[in-house]
Amino acid sequence: MPNNKQNFSVREMRNSDIEMVLQLQNQLAFLDWNQKQYFQEIESPSTIAIVAEKENDVVGFALFHLLADESELLAIAVSPKYQRAGIGSLLFTDGKMKLQNFGADKLFLEVRESNQKARNFYESLKANLVGRRVKYYKDGESAAIYRIDF
């Protein structure tokens, strides 16, 4: 799914992408997944793992789980250098189309209550706040739970 304006493309995540995904994850400091976890996700038939790239560099990634007609956004991340260039929306749209092709009609996600930037992004995608998970994160912060209907 190319974006001619910025020359970005979205494709399935490959094992060879994991090193760049880990570097991106470390820059953003919001996940603490390891290499083995990413390999497992790529191999799982219930996971949609995609990357956004520009000139063969991974500049973003997203992971979705498919659970019958429901799905979950596990992670979506964009390099700070390319944030606000539409890559998050590009990743989300591509993942959503893949989920719909597998029969999903709704998506759930959680986000730190204090992460207003992410919450604004999800709300721009028509996510509806449906609840919270108290003290969900290791540091005791609660999570806001969102739902997006396709």
Foldseek 3Di string as FASTA:
>chain_A
DADVVQGKDKDFDDLVQLVLVVVQCVVVVPDDDDSVVVVVQSPDPQKGKMFMDHPPHTFKIWIKGADAQEIETPDIGGRPVCPPVCVSVVRVVVVVVVNVVRNHFKYKYKDFPPPVVVVVVVVVVVWDFDAKAALPDPVGTIITMTMDGD
